[in-house]
Amino acid sequence: MFASKILVVEDEKVLALNIINTLQKLGYNVPEITYSGEDAIKKVAETHPHLVLIDISLSGKIDGVKVADTIQRDFHIPVLYLIEYSEYKLHNQRLSEPFSYILKPFAETDLHIAVEMAIYQHQVKQKLQEEKQRLESVIDSMPCAVIVTYTSGCIQMMNPMAEALTGWQQDEAFGKDLAEVVNLVDKDMDEAIENLATQVMEAGEVLSLPEKCTLIAKDGREIPIGDNIAPIRDRNGQITGAVLVFQDITQRKQMEAQLLRNAFYDGLTALPNRVLFLDRLKQAIERRKRRTDYQFAVLFLDLDGFKGINDRFGHGMGDDFLVAIARRLESCVRSGDTVGRFGGDEFAVLLEEIKDVTDATNVAKRIQDTLGLPLSLNGHQIYTTASIGIALNSGGYDEPESLLRDADIAMYRAKKQGKARYGVFDQATNC
């Protein structure tokens, strides 16, 4: 094991020699004596000792305190002050840290203990500082925001991602209440979220952010965020603060919305697809079971001559034509009704809260009149009609597919009678 190198800075030469002899006897490496503050700083830069023993009342242009401050600040080397008892009261604030000084005169054992403890204490501090820097580097490198609070719920630190999302810099956020900096709103409840750090410390367990949690940034931006907040515990299990971890989930929300649209909406016309239409039809059937005065109807539409349009103008024009038809169908119904596309040239309409069959047939007539108007696409005037089948909910349907099937039967019966017709399903004749 190598001997620790110690630089002695003492302007009393006799005392300095005694200290050096004692240190060498104890096995330390003491290269030479330094008598002035200026020389001490030069020697530290040249020899990089493990410890500097310095007289706190060092004479010269730079006193011992200033020399020690320079050594600690610029070279990060521990300093052990040599001090007379009469001088202690003058420097008691500076000497409040344990093992930062030794009183003159001192015994060999006292010097040995003071030196070892000063070196050990510095090594511990250095290790803790390195661990802190490593931890800060890890936290700063994280792609999510991290905010740490004290037990009061006030902010202790925040990483760069937290600064970017909240719009607050760590220096200005330090010591502020978490809820002031991290302004959160629960969009489901449409209410502000109180200080999460206080909540999680009271609960003593990890809490997830609400499903529709939105961060209101300092500049007013609204950012959907997700993740959790957890209490911080020491080795004894005592809660010492809280750590909030969150990230911007805008992209995830957009992907979820796109997946939802892909699952429930027609990719061409953006109308509800068969799955979503049947779900809404099922809800209407359940509503009818609870309310005897609730009436609804289903219209099933098949465009007349769509194949000819595709053959004549091509599939690109055919797609544009279907999109235009979808918009016209939407214009014929109320906002609470549903227009869906089942693929090809088949469409369906769910009419809710109607009085009787007349309301349904009036909508069918309106659709026929609207579709009968010329449609201008890419310089071409296109005319179309539709065959429409109507099924009312009066038959005690339990399954949406059954109601849709009967509307389909009525549509085919109307189509056989000629174009641009509608028909109402007759349960007595089952057609």
Protein backbone atom coordinates (compact mmCIF):
# COMPACT_ATOMS: atom_id res chain seq x y z
CA MET A 1 0.00 0.00 0.00
CA PHE A 2 1.46 3.37 -1.01
CA ALA A 3 2.07 6.13 1.55
CA SER A 4 -0.18 9.17 1.46
CA LYS A 5 1.62 12.32 0.31
CA ILE A 6 1.16 15.28 2.65
CA LEU A 7 2.15 18.89 2.08
CA VAL A 8 2.91 20.87 5.25
CA VAL A 9 2.42 24.65 5.07
CA GLU A 10 3.73 26.22 8.28
CA ASP A 11 5.76 29.40 8.69
CA GLU A 12 7.06 28.42 12.15
CA LYS A 13 10.08 26.40 11.03
CA VAL A 14 10.67 24.49 14.24
CA LEU A 15 7.04 23.42 14.45
CA ALA A 16 7.08 22.54 10.75
CA LEU A 17 10.12 20.28 11.20
CA ASN A 18 8.51 18.54 14.16
CA ILE A 19 5.33 17.91 12.16
CA ILE A 20 7.31 16.51 9.22
CA ASN A 21 9.32 14.20 11.46
CA THR A 22 6.16 12.96 13.13
CA LEU A 23 4.38 12.38 9.82
CA GLN A 24 7.37 10.52 8.34
CA LYS A 25 7.58 8.42 11.47
CA LEU A 26 3.90 7.54 10.97
CA GLY A 27 4.71 6.39 7.45
CA TYR A 28 3.53 9.36 5.40
CA ASN A 29 5.39 10.82 2.43
CA VAL A 30 6.31 14.46 3.19
CA PRO A 31 8.51 15.77 0.37
CA GLU A 32 9.38 19.19 1.84
CA ILE A 33 8.26 22.12 3.98
CA THR A 34 6.41 25.10 2.47
CA TYR A 35 6.47 28.38 4.37
CA SER A 36 4.25 30.72 2.33
CA GLY A 37 0.84 30.65 0.76
CA GLU A 38 2.16 31.43 -2.73
CA ASP A 39 4.63 28.55 -2.59
CA ALA A 40 1.94 26.25 -1.20
CA ILE A 41 -0.31 26.76 -4.22
CA LYS A 42 2.64 26.13 -6.58
CA LYS A 43 3.64 22.96 -4.72
CA VAL A 44 0.09 21.64 -4.78
CA ALA A 45 -0.01 22.12 -8.55
CA GLU A 46 3.35 20.33 -8.91
CA THR A 47 3.04 17.44 -6.44
CA HIS A 48 -0.72 16.83 -6.11
CA PRO A 49 -0.63 15.74 -2.45
CA HIS A 50 -3.38 13.73 -0.79
CA LEU A 51 -3.69 16.26 2.04
CA VAL A 52 -2.48 19.75 2.92
CA LEU A 53 -1.70 20.64 6.57
CA ILE A 54 -1.82 24.42 6.77
CA ASP A 55 -1.50 26.97 9.52
CA ILE A 56 -4.77 28.94 9.52
CA SER A 57 -2.84 32.06 10.60
CA LEU A 58 -0.17 31.75 7.95
CA SER A 59 1.65 35.08 7.47
CA GLY A 60 2.37 36.64 4.11
CA LYS A 61 0.40 38.20 1.25
CA ILE A 62 -2.08 35.31 1.22
CA ASP A 63 -3.27 34.05 4.59
CA GLY A 64 -3.96 30.41 5.41
CA VAL A 65 -7.73 30.67 4.89
CA LYS A 66 -7.42 32.07 1.37
CA VAL A 67 -4.76 29.51 0.47
CA ALA A 68 -6.98 26.70 1.74
CA ASP A 69 -9.96 28.02 -0.23
CA THR A 70 -7.87 28.12 -3.43
CA ILE A 71 -6.55 24.59 -2.91
CA GLN A 72 -9.99 23.16 -2.23
CA ARG A 73 -11.68 25.06 -5.07
CA ASP A 74 -9.09 24.64 -7.81
CA PHE A 75 -7.44 21.32 -6.92
CA HIS A 76 -10.14 19.53 -4.89
CA ILE A 77 -7.59 18.47 -2.28
CA PRO A 78 -8.56 18.20 1.41
CA VAL A 79 -7.15 20.68 3.88
CA LEU A 80 -6.45 20.13 7.59
CA TYR A 81 -6.04 23.39 9.50
CA LEU A 82 -3.39 23.82 12.22
CA ILE A 83 -4.75 26.28 14.77
CA GLU A 84 -3.99 27.70 18.19
CA TYR A 85 -6.74 27.35 20.78
CA SER A 86 -6.85 31.16 21.17
CA GLU A 87 -7.66 31.50 17.46
CA TYR A 88 -10.44 28.91 17.43
CA LYS A 89 -13.28 31.30 18.27
CA LEU A 90 -12.32 33.58 15.37
CA HIS A 91 -12.77 30.73 12.89
CA ASN A 92 -15.36 28.51 14.57
CA GLN A 93 -17.82 28.76 11.65
CA ARG A 94 -15.22 27.62 9.14
CA LEU A 95 -14.09 24.85 11.49
CA SER A 96 -17.59 23.52 12.20
CA GLU A 97 -17.04 20.49 9.96
CA PRO A 98 -15.64 17.45 11.84
CA PHE A 99 -11.95 16.62 11.33
CA SER A 100 -11.25 19.88 9.51
CA TYR A 101 -8.68 21.11 12.05
CA ILE A 102 -6.28 20.07 14.81
CA LEU A 103 -5.41 22.25 17.81
CA LYS A 104 -1.80 23.13 18.62
CA PRO A 105 0.00 21.64 20.45
CA PHE A 106 -1.01 18.08 19.61
CA ALA A 107 0.21 14.60 20.37
CA GLU A 108 1.43 12.17 17.75
CA THR A 109 -1.69 10.05 18.13
CA ASP A 110 -3.97 13.06 17.69
CA LEU A 111 -2.17 14.08 14.51
CA HIS A 112 -2.34 10.55 13.14
CA ILE A 113 -6.08 10.31 13.76
CA ALA A 114 -6.77 13.79 12.36
CA VAL A 115 -4.80 13.10 9.17
CA GLU A 116 -6.40 9.70 8.57
CA MET A 117 -9.90 11.01 9.20
CA ALA A 118 -9.38 14.06 6.96
CA ILE A 119 -8.16 11.84 4.09
CA TYR A 120 -10.94 9.28 4.65
CA GLN A 121 -13.60 11.99 4.89
CA HIS A 122 -12.40 13.50 1.61
CA GLN A 123 -12.42 10.08 -0.09
CA VAL A 124 -15.99 9.50 1.08
CA LYS A 125 -17.06 12.95 -0.14
CA GLN A 126 -15.31 12.37 -3.45
CA LYS A 127 -17.00 9.02 -3.89
CA LEU A 128 -20.40 10.50 -3.02
CA GLN A 129 -19.80 13.34 -5.44
CA GLU A 130 -18.85 10.91 -8.19
CA GLU A 131 -21.96 8.84 -7.47
CA LYS A 132 -24.08 11.99 -7.49
CA GLN A 133 -22.58 13.10 -10.81
CA ARG A 134 -23.06 9.64 -12.28
CA LEU A 135 -26.68 9.58 -11.12
CA GLU A 136 -27.27 13.08 -12.47
CA SER A 137 -25.75 12.04 -15.80
CA VAL A 138 -28.06 9.02 -15.95
CA ILE A 139 -31.11 11.13 -15.06
CA ASP A 140 -30.14 13.88 -17.51
CA SER A 141 -29.71 11.28 -20.27
CA MET A 142 -33.16 9.78 -19.73
CA PRO A 143 -35.64 10.39 -22.57
CA CYS A 144 -38.40 11.07 -20.04
CA ALA A 145 -38.89 13.95 -17.62
CA VAL A 146 -37.74 13.42 -14.02
CA ILE A 147 -38.60 15.75 -11.13
CA VAL A 148 -37.56 15.15 -7.51
CA THR A 149 -39.26 16.88 -4.58
CA TYR A 150 -38.60 17.35 -0.89
CA THR A 151 -41.04 16.04 1.73
CA SER A 152 -42.74 19.44 1.56
CA GLY A 153 -43.77 18.75 -2.04
CA CYS A 154 -41.44 21.47 -3.32
CA ILE A 155 -39.05 20.86 -6.21
CA GLN A 156 -35.49 19.78 -5.47
CA MET A 157 -34.26 18.97 -8.98
CA MET A 158 -35.46 18.40 -12.52
CA ASN A 159 -33.69 17.02 -15.58
CA PRO A 160 -33.40 18.72 -19.00
CA MET A 161 -36.40 16.82 -20.42
CA ALA A 162 -38.54 18.08 -17.53
CA GLU A 163 -37.34 21.61 -18.27
CA ALA A 164 -38.22 21.21 -21.97
CA LEU A 165 -41.74 19.87 -21.32
CA THR A 166 -42.74 22.21 -18.49
CA GLY A 167 -41.01 25.29 -19.86
CA TRP A 168 -39.41 25.92 -16.44
CA GLN A 169 -35.66 26.00 -15.80
CA GLN A 170 -34.41 24.12 -12.75
CA ASP A 171 -33.01 27.29 -11.14
CA GLU A 172 -36.35 29.12 -11.29
CA ALA A 173 -38.38 26.03 -10.32
CA PHE A 174 -36.21 25.12 -7.32
CA GLY A 175 -38.18 25.33 -4.07
CA LYS A 176 -41.52 25.94 -5.77
CA ASP A 177 -44.59 23.80 -5.14
CA LEU A 178 -44.73 20.91 -7.62
CA ALA A 179 -48.28 21.81 -8.73
CA GLU A 180 -47.13 25.33 -9.67
CA VAL A 181 -44.47 24.06 -12.06
CA VAL A 182 -46.16 20.83 -13.19
CA ASN A 183 -49.64 22.17 -13.93
CA LEU A 184 -51.73 19.04 -14.57
CA VAL A 185 -55.35 18.63 -15.66
CA ASP A 186 -57.38 15.41 -15.70
CA LYS A 187 -59.27 15.72 -18.99
CA ASP A 188 -61.68 12.92 -18.04
CA MET A 189 -62.80 14.82 -14.93
CA ASP A 190 -62.06 18.25 -16.41
CA GLU A 191 -60.36 19.37 -13.21
CA ALA A 192 -56.91 20.39 -12.02
CA ILE A 193 -54.73 17.79 -10.30
CA GLU A 194 -53.38 18.82 -6.90
CA ASN A 195 -49.75 18.33 -5.80
CA LEU A 196 -49.02 14.70 -6.71
CA ALA A 197 -45.92 14.58 -4.51
CA THR A 198 -48.01 15.25 -1.40
CA GLN A 199 -50.55 12.64 -2.49
CA VAL A 200 -47.99 9.92 -3.14
CA MET A 201 -46.12 10.55 0.12
CA GLU A 202 -49.38 10.35 2.07
CA ALA A 203 -50.33 7.14 0.25
CA GLY A 204 -46.84 5.70 0.61
CA GLU A 205 -47.05 3.91 -2.74
CA VAL A 206 -46.52 4.46 -6.46
CA LEU A 207 -49.37 6.30 -8.18
CA SER A 208 -49.99 6.24 -11.93
CA LEU A 209 -50.98 9.41 -13.73
CA PRO A 210 -54.63 9.54 -14.88
CA GLU A 211 -55.40 8.09 -18.32
CA LYS A 212 -56.07 11.52 -19.84
CA CYS A 213 -53.53 13.54 -17.88
CA THR A 214 -52.54 16.77 -19.62
CA LEU A 215 -49.60 19.01 -18.74
CA ILE A 216 -50.18 22.75 -19.20
CA ALA A 217 -46.69 24.06 -19.96
CA LYS A 218 -45.48 27.51 -18.92
CA ASP A 219 -46.17 28.86 -22.42
CA GLY A 220 -49.71 27.43 -22.45
CA ARG A 221 -48.98 24.33 -24.53
CA GLU A 222 -51.16 21.34 -23.68
CA ILE A 223 -49.18 18.09 -23.67
CA PRO A 224 -50.70 14.68 -22.94
CA ILE A 225 -48.38 12.87 -20.55
CA GLY A 226 -48.20 9.46 -18.90
CA ASP A 227 -46.20 7.46 -16.32
CA ASN A 228 -46.12 7.65 -12.52
CA ILE A 229 -44.91 9.24 -9.31
CA ALA A 230 -43.32 7.33 -6.44
CA PRO A 231 -42.23 8.07 -2.86
CA ILE A 232 -38.48 8.14 -2.19
CA ARG A 233 -37.38 6.15 0.86
CA ASP A 234 -34.09 6.04 2.73
CA ARG A 235 -32.46 2.83 3.96
CA ASN A 236 -34.67 2.87 7.03
CA GLY A 237 -37.82 3.04 4.93
CA GLN A 238 -38.55 6.65 5.85
CA ILE A 239 -40.04 8.78 3.05
CA THR A 240 -37.66 11.60 2.15
CA GLY A 241 -39.42 12.98 -0.93
CA ALA A 242 -41.03 11.96 -4.19
CA VAL A 243 -39.92 11.40 -7.78
CA LEU A 244 -42.22 12.17 -10.70
CA VAL A 245 -41.40 10.48 -14.01
CA PHE A 246 -43.42 11.36 -17.10
CA GLN A 247 -43.17 11.61 -20.87
CA ASP A 248 -44.94 13.24 -23.77
CA ILE A 249 -47.35 10.65 -25.15
CA THR A 250 -48.72 12.77 -28.00
CA GLN A 251 -47.34 10.37 -30.60
CA ARG A 252 -48.72 7.37 -28.74
CA LYS A 253 -52.15 9.00 -28.51
CA GLN A 254 -52.05 9.73 -32.23
CA MET A 255 -51.13 6.12 -32.98
CA GLU A 256 -53.92 4.89 -30.72
CA ALA A 257 -56.38 7.20 -32.47
CA GLN A 258 -55.18 5.93 -35.84
CA LEU A 259 -55.53 2.31 -34.76
CA LEU A 260 -59.01 3.12 -33.49
CA ARG A 261 -59.92 4.69 -36.82
CA ASN A 262 -58.50 1.71 -38.69
CA ALA A 263 -60.55 -0.65 -36.53
CA PHE A 264 -63.85 1.19 -36.61
CA TYR A 265 -63.85 3.53 -39.61
CA ASP A 266 -63.77 3.03 -43.34
CA GLY A 267 -60.37 4.03 -44.70
CA LEU A 268 -61.76 5.61 -47.88
CA THR A 269 -64.83 7.57 -46.76
CA ALA A 270 -64.03 7.94 -43.01
CA LEU A 271 -67.54 6.67 -42.26
CA PRO A 272 -68.13 4.12 -39.48
CA ASN A 273 -67.42 0.62 -40.83
CA ARG A 274 -69.53 -2.50 -40.36
CA VAL A 275 -68.05 -3.23 -36.90
CA LEU A 276 -68.82 0.21 -35.46
CA PHE A 277 -72.23 0.41 -37.19
CA LEU A 278 -73.29 -2.94 -35.69
CA ASP A 279 -72.09 -1.79 -32.26
CA ARG A 280 -74.22 1.36 -32.45
CA LEU A 281 -77.14 -0.70 -33.73
CA LYS A 282 -76.74 -3.05 -30.77
CA GLN A 283 -76.83 -0.06 -28.40
CA ALA A 284 -80.05 1.10 -30.08
CA ILE A 285 -81.61 -2.36 -29.55
CA GLU A 286 -80.65 -2.29 -25.86
CA ARG A 287 -82.04 1.23 -25.54
CA ARG A 288 -85.33 0.03 -27.05
CA LYS A 289 -85.58 -2.67 -24.36
CA ARG A 290 -85.37 -0.01 -21.64
CA ARG A 291 -87.61 2.56 -23.35
CA THR A 292 -90.83 1.44 -25.02
CA ASP A 293 -91.27 4.88 -26.62
CA TYR A 294 -87.89 4.69 -28.33
CA GLN A 295 -88.14 4.01 -32.10
CA PHE A 296 -85.37 3.56 -34.65
CA ALA A 297 -84.88 2.24 -38.15
CA VAL A 298 -82.13 0.92 -40.40
CA LEU A 299 -81.76 1.85 -44.07
CA PHE A 300 -79.59 -0.37 -46.28
CA LEU A 301 -78.42 1.23 -49.54
CA ASP A 302 -76.90 -0.19 -52.69
CA LEU A 303 -75.88 2.24 -55.44
CA ASP A 304 -77.42 1.55 -58.85
CA GLY A 305 -74.88 1.10 -61.65
CA PHE A 306 -71.69 1.68 -59.65
CA LYS A 307 -69.84 -1.06 -61.55
CA GLY A 308 -70.43 0.86 -64.78
CA ILE A 309 -68.86 4.00 -63.26
CA ASN A 310 -65.78 2.03 -62.24
CA ASP A 311 -65.50 0.39 -65.66
CA ARG A 312 -65.92 3.67 -67.53
CA PHE A 313 -63.81 6.06 -65.44
CA GLY A 314 -61.48 3.73 -63.51
CA HIS A 315 -61.14 2.84 -59.84
CA GLY A 316 -59.55 6.18 -58.90
CA MET A 317 -62.63 8.04 -60.09
CA GLY A 318 -64.78 5.35 -58.45
CA ASP A 319 -63.12 6.05 -55.08
CA ASP A 320 -63.67 9.81 -55.45
CA PHE A 321 -67.28 9.08 -56.34
CA LEU A 322 -67.82 6.99 -53.18
CA VAL A 323 -66.31 9.72 -50.99
CA ALA A 324 -68.66 12.29 -52.55
CA ILE A 325 -71.65 9.96 -52.02
CA ALA A 326 -70.66 9.51 -48.35
CA ARG A 327 -70.73 13.28 -47.82
CA ARG A 328 -74.15 13.54 -49.49
CA LEU A 329 -75.56 10.78 -47.31
CA GLU A 330 -74.29 12.54 -44.19
CA SER A 331 -76.06 15.72 -45.32
CA CYS A 332 -79.38 13.86 -45.42
CA VAL A 333 -79.46 12.81 -41.77
CA ARG A 334 -79.25 14.42 -38.33
CA SER A 335 -76.03 14.65 -36.31
CA GLY A 336 -77.23 11.92 -33.92
CA ASP A 337 -77.82 9.41 -36.72
CA THR A 338 -75.14 7.11 -38.14
CA VAL A 339 -74.11 6.64 -41.77
CA GLY A 340 -71.83 3.64 -42.34
CA ARG A 341 -70.07 2.00 -45.27
CA PHE A 342 -69.88 -1.78 -45.49
CA GLY A 343 -67.52 -1.93 -48.46
CA GLY A 344 -67.97 -1.57 -52.22
CA ASP A 345 -71.08 0.50 -52.90
CA GLU A 346 -73.05 -0.67 -49.86
CA PHE A 347 -74.03 1.86 -47.21
CA ALA A 348 -76.28 1.74 -44.13
CA VAL A 349 -78.04 4.40 -42.09
CA LEU A 350 -79.20 4.17 -38.46
CA LEU A 351 -82.03 6.60 -37.71
CA GLU A 352 -82.63 7.11 -33.99
CA GLU A 353 -85.50 8.74 -32.10
CA ILE A 354 -88.03 8.54 -34.95
CA LYS A 355 -91.82 8.63 -34.53
CA ASP A 356 -92.87 6.03 -37.08
CA VAL A 357 -92.12 4.55 -40.50
CA THR A 358 -92.95 7.85 -42.18
CA ASP A 359 -89.84 9.47 -40.71
CA ALA A 360 -87.75 6.66 -42.21
CA THR A 361 -89.39 6.83 -45.65
CA ASN A 362 -88.98 10.62 -45.68
CA VAL A 363 -85.23 10.19 -45.14
CA ALA A 364 -85.16 7.57 -47.93
CA LYS A 365 -86.87 10.06 -50.28
CA ARG A 366 -84.44 12.80 -49.25
CA ILE A 367 -81.52 10.50 -50.02
CA GLN A 368 -82.98 9.63 -53.43
CA ASP A 369 -83.50 13.30 -54.26
CA THR A 370 -79.96 14.22 -53.12
CA LEU A 371 -78.27 11.38 -54.98
CA GLY A 372 -80.29 12.25 -58.09
CA LEU A 373 -78.50 15.58 -58.39
CA PRO A 374 -75.59 15.57 -60.88
CA LEU A 375 -72.16 15.02 -59.36
CA SER A 376 -69.21 16.86 -60.93
CA LEU A 377 -65.94 14.94 -60.70
CA ASN A 378 -62.80 15.73 -62.71
CA GLY A 379 -64.80 17.51 -65.38
CA HIS A 380 -67.42 14.77 -65.69
CA GLN A 381 -71.11 14.97 -64.74
CA ILE A 382 -72.09 11.71 -63.06
CA TYR A 383 -75.60 10.71 -62.12
CA THR A 384 -76.53 7.92 -59.75
CA THR A 385 -79.41 6.46 -57.82
CA ALA A 386 -79.71 3.96 -54.99
CA SER A 387 -81.94 1.09 -53.97
CA ILE A 388 -82.90 1.40 -50.31
CA GLY A 389 -84.31 -1.15 -47.86
CA ILE A 390 -85.88 -0.08 -44.57
CA ALA A 391 -86.31 -2.18 -41.41
CA LEU A 392 -88.04 -0.85 -38.30
CA ASN A 393 -87.31 -1.93 -34.76
CA SER A 394 -90.92 -2.93 -34.09
CA GLY A 395 -90.25 -6.64 -34.54
CA GLY A 396 -88.55 -7.22 -31.19
CA TYR A 397 -85.06 -7.74 -32.63
CA ASP A 398 -82.36 -9.00 -30.25
CA GLU A 399 -79.42 -9.11 -32.66
CA PRO A 400 -78.28 -6.22 -34.86
CA GLU A 401 -77.42 -8.63 -37.69
CA SER A 402 -81.09 -9.69 -37.90
CA LEU A 403 -82.29 -6.12 -38.35
CA LEU A 404 -79.61 -5.45 -40.92
CA ARG A 405 -80.50 -8.67 -42.77
CA ASP A 406 -84.16 -7.63 -43.06
CA ALA A 407 -83.18 -4.18 -44.34
CA ASP A 408 -80.97 -5.93 -46.92
CA ILE A 409 -83.91 -8.16 -47.98
CA ALA A 410 -86.12 -5.09 -48.42
CA MET A 411 -83.38 -3.40 -50.48
CA TYR A 412 -83.08 -6.33 -52.92
CA ARG A 413 -86.84 -6.43 -53.32
CA ALA A 414 -86.80 -2.72 -54.18
CA LYS A 415 -83.89 -3.19 -56.63
CA LYS A 416 -85.82 -5.94 -58.49
CA GLN A 417 -88.66 -3.49 -59.02
CA GLY A 418 -86.36 -0.99 -60.71
CA LYS A 419 -83.75 1.66 -59.87
CA ALA A 420 -84.14 4.55 -57.43
CA ARG A 421 -86.69 2.79 -55.24
CA TYR A 422 -87.05 2.05 -51.57
CA GLY A 423 -88.96 -0.64 -49.73
CA VAL A 424 -89.98 -1.36 -46.13
CA PHE A 425 -89.47 -4.83 -44.75
CA ASP A 426 -92.80 -6.59 -44.11
CA GLN A 427 -92.56 -9.07 -41.25
CA ALA A 428 -95.87 -10.66 -42.24
CA THR A 429 -94.51 -11.71 -45.65
CA ASN A 430 -90.85 -11.78 -44.52
CA CYS A 431 -89.84 -9.62 -47.44
